[in-house]
Amino acid sequence: MTHLHHAGCACLQPLNRLSRRGVLSLGLAGGLATALPAFGQAKAYDAMLINCIDPRFTTYNWAYMASHGYKDLYSHFVFAGGPIGAVSPKFADWHKTVWDNLDISLQLHQIRRVVGLTHRDCGAAVVAYGEEIKTNKAFETAKHTEALKQFRAEIGKRQPKLAVETGIMALDGSVELVG
């Protein structure tokens, strides 16, 4: 059975004792407490994660960031291929968006590093590098490594003060770092 509140309801006794001005003051105080952080300086985050949209890796990416001390301390930019999409000529129309997003993350979050993760069995990598990437693990590793090194170099040119971590995520969520 649903309980309906009414003017004489005991549930409302504390509020019934407050004047309209008192209730207004409580509401204003609560509103200010909620809004004040938005008017302060932007929160500094440690990192920005750039990775692929593949839903098979969502939890793994979160776990990777949390296990490296970034839990709730990173901004996140997700698009097909992640670092591959940021540098491959096949996705040239996206490049400006990637670098603009990095710039705004620096402005809003004062990040100190970028974490770029690609992953095995990536459809965007097939688009960028061809069908061989599906059947030749050495070729797949070489192309991911090449893309991640190019990604690192692009960040270095654009934002030389940022640290960069890059890696290839396996289907089990483990990450092979690429320097």
Foldseek 3Di string as FASTA:
>chain_A
DDDDDDLPDPVCVVVNPDDPVRVVVVVVVVVCVVCVVVVDAFAAAAEEEFEEPPPLCPVLVQVVCVVVPRNVRYHYDYYAQGLCLCDFPLNVVCVVVVVVVVVVCCVRHVYQAYEYEYEQPGPVVCSRPHDVSNPDVVVVVVSQLVSQVVSQVVCCVVPVRHHYWYWYAYSVSDTDTHD
